[in-house]
Amino acid sequence: MTQAELYQALKSIGYPVAYGSFSSSVTPPFITYQFAYSNDMMADNVNYVAIEDFQIELYTAKKDLVAEKKVQDKLKELGLPYRKFETYLDEEKVYQILYEVQIIGG
């Protein structure tokens, strides 16, 4: 899977999607994603396999189990194991559900 394919898959969920942030105001629910770091498999001073870690963030105005399930079902469909974190952002008055995924060889 590539970053472009990840973007298309996230768009297919039906919410607005942007890399990093939106250039204008968007009403929740919406999704952002971005590259976080690389965790390549290395040996003999060579990067043998690219392993890119991405953060996918779902923002909702209220706790929205349906929206979370849509994202999680899509990640499962793509075969992307994930770690999930949740926080409430007081200033923005939104829930942030963060998913960490790895794209191997993308």
Protein backbone atom coordinates (compact mmCIF):
# COMPACT_ATOMS: atom_id res chain seq x y z
CA MET A 1 0.00 0.00 0.00
CA THR A 2 1.15 3.53 -0.75
CA GLN A 3 0.31 6.85 0.90
CA ALA A 4 -1.87 7.72 -2.11
CA GLU A 5 -3.80 4.47 -1.70
CA LEU A 6 -4.24 5.17 2.01
CA TYR A 7 -5.71 8.58 1.14
CA GLN A 8 -8.15 7.07 -1.35
CA ALA A 9 -9.20 4.41 1.16
CA LEU A 10 -9.83 7.01 3.85
CA LYS A 11 -11.85 9.14 1.40
CA SER A 12 -14.04 6.12 0.63
CA ILE A 13 -15.30 6.18 4.24
CA GLY A 14 -17.31 9.29 3.33
CA TYR A 15 -15.84 11.99 5.58
CA PRO A 16 -13.64 14.92 4.49
CA VAL A 17 -9.95 13.87 4.49
CA ALA A 18 -6.77 15.96 4.43
CA TYR A 19 -3.07 15.37 4.88
CA GLY A 20 -1.95 17.18 8.03
CA SER A 21 -4.72 19.76 8.26
CA PHE A 22 -7.44 21.47 6.27
CA SER A 23 -6.81 24.87 4.70
CA SER A 24 -10.28 26.04 5.72
CA SER A 25 -12.74 25.28 8.51
CA VAL A 26 -14.39 21.85 8.38
CA THR A 27 -17.28 20.59 10.48
CA PRO A 28 -16.78 17.24 12.25
CA PRO A 29 -16.69 14.39 11.58
CA PHE A 30 -13.53 14.60 9.49
CA ILE A 31 -10.24 12.76 9.12
CA THR A 32 -6.64 13.92 8.90
CA TYR A 33 -3.60 11.74 8.42
CA GLN A 34 0.13 12.27 8.27
CA PHE A 35 3.47 10.52 8.22
CA ALA A 36 4.82 10.20 11.77
CA TYR A 37 8.16 8.40 11.44
CA SER A 38 9.94 5.57 9.68
CA ASN A 39 10.81 2.30 11.30
CA ASP A 40 12.63 0.63 8.39
CA MET A 41 14.03 -2.87 8.60
CA MET A 42 17.81 -2.44 8.34
CA ALA A 43 20.86 -4.67 8.16
CA ASP A 44 24.44 -4.14 7.03
CA ASN A 45 23.84 -0.36 6.91
CA VAL A 46 21.10 -0.77 4.30
CA ASN A 47 17.39 -0.03 4.56
CA TYR A 48 15.95 -3.30 3.26
CA VAL A 49 12.26 -2.71 3.83
CA ALA A 50 10.53 0.65 4.18
CA ILE A 51 8.18 0.74 7.16
CA GLU A 52 6.34 4.03 7.43
CA ASP A 53 4.25 4.87 10.47
CA PHE A 54 1.21 7.06 9.88
CA GLN A 55 -1.23 8.68 12.27
CA ILE A 56 -4.87 8.79 11.22
CA GLU A 57 -7.00 11.16 13.27
CA LEU A 58 -10.80 11.07 13.38
CA TYR A 59 -12.42 14.19 14.82
CA THR A 60 -16.04 14.14 16.04
CA ALA A 61 -18.23 16.66 17.84
CA LYS A 62 -19.50 13.97 20.21
CA LYS A 63 -18.45 10.43 21.04
CA ASP A 64 -19.37 8.71 17.77
CA LEU A 65 -19.06 4.92 17.84
CA VAL A 66 -20.49 4.63 14.31
CA ALA A 67 -17.76 6.88 12.86
CA GLU A 68 -15.08 4.99 14.80
CA LYS A 69 -16.41 1.68 13.51
CA LYS A 70 -16.30 2.95 9.91
CA VAL A 71 -12.62 3.87 10.26
CA GLN A 72 -11.75 0.64 12.07
CA ASP A 73 -13.63 -1.49 9.52
CA LYS A 74 -11.74 0.24 6.69
CA LEU A 75 -8.38 -0.36 8.39
CA LYS A 76 -9.29 -4.03 8.90
CA GLU A 77 -10.41 -4.30 5.26
CA LEU A 78 -7.01 -2.92 4.21
CA GLY A 79 -5.20 -5.38 6.47
CA LEU A 80 -3.68 -2.55 8.52
CA PRO A 81 -3.36 -3.41 12.20
CA TYR A 82 -3.75 -0.31 14.33
CA ARG A 83 -3.29 1.10 17.79
CA LYS A 84 -6.06 3.40 18.97
CA PHE A 85 -5.94 6.38 21.34
CA GLU A 86 -8.65 8.82 22.37
CA THR A 87 -8.64 12.31 23.83
CA TYR A 88 -11.04 15.22 24.16
CA LEU A 89 -9.70 18.56 22.93
CA ASP A 90 -11.25 21.22 25.18
CA GLU A 91 -10.36 24.24 23.03
CA GLU A 92 -11.83 22.76 19.87
CA LYS A 93 -14.67 20.94 21.66
CA VAL A 94 -14.05 17.74 19.70
CA TYR A 95 -13.03 14.17 20.33
CA GLN A 96 -9.83 13.06 18.65
CA ILE A 97 -9.52 9.36 17.94
CA LEU A 98 -5.97 8.60 16.82
CA TYR A 99 -5.03 5.44 14.95
CA GLU A 100 -1.39 4.47 14.41
CA VAL A 101 -0.76 2.24 11.40
CA GLN A 102 2.29 0.98 9.53
CA ILE A 103 2.65 0.81 5.77
CA ILE A 104 5.28 -1.73 4.84
CA GLY A 105 7.13 -1.35 1.57
CA GLY A 106 4.98 1.58 0.44
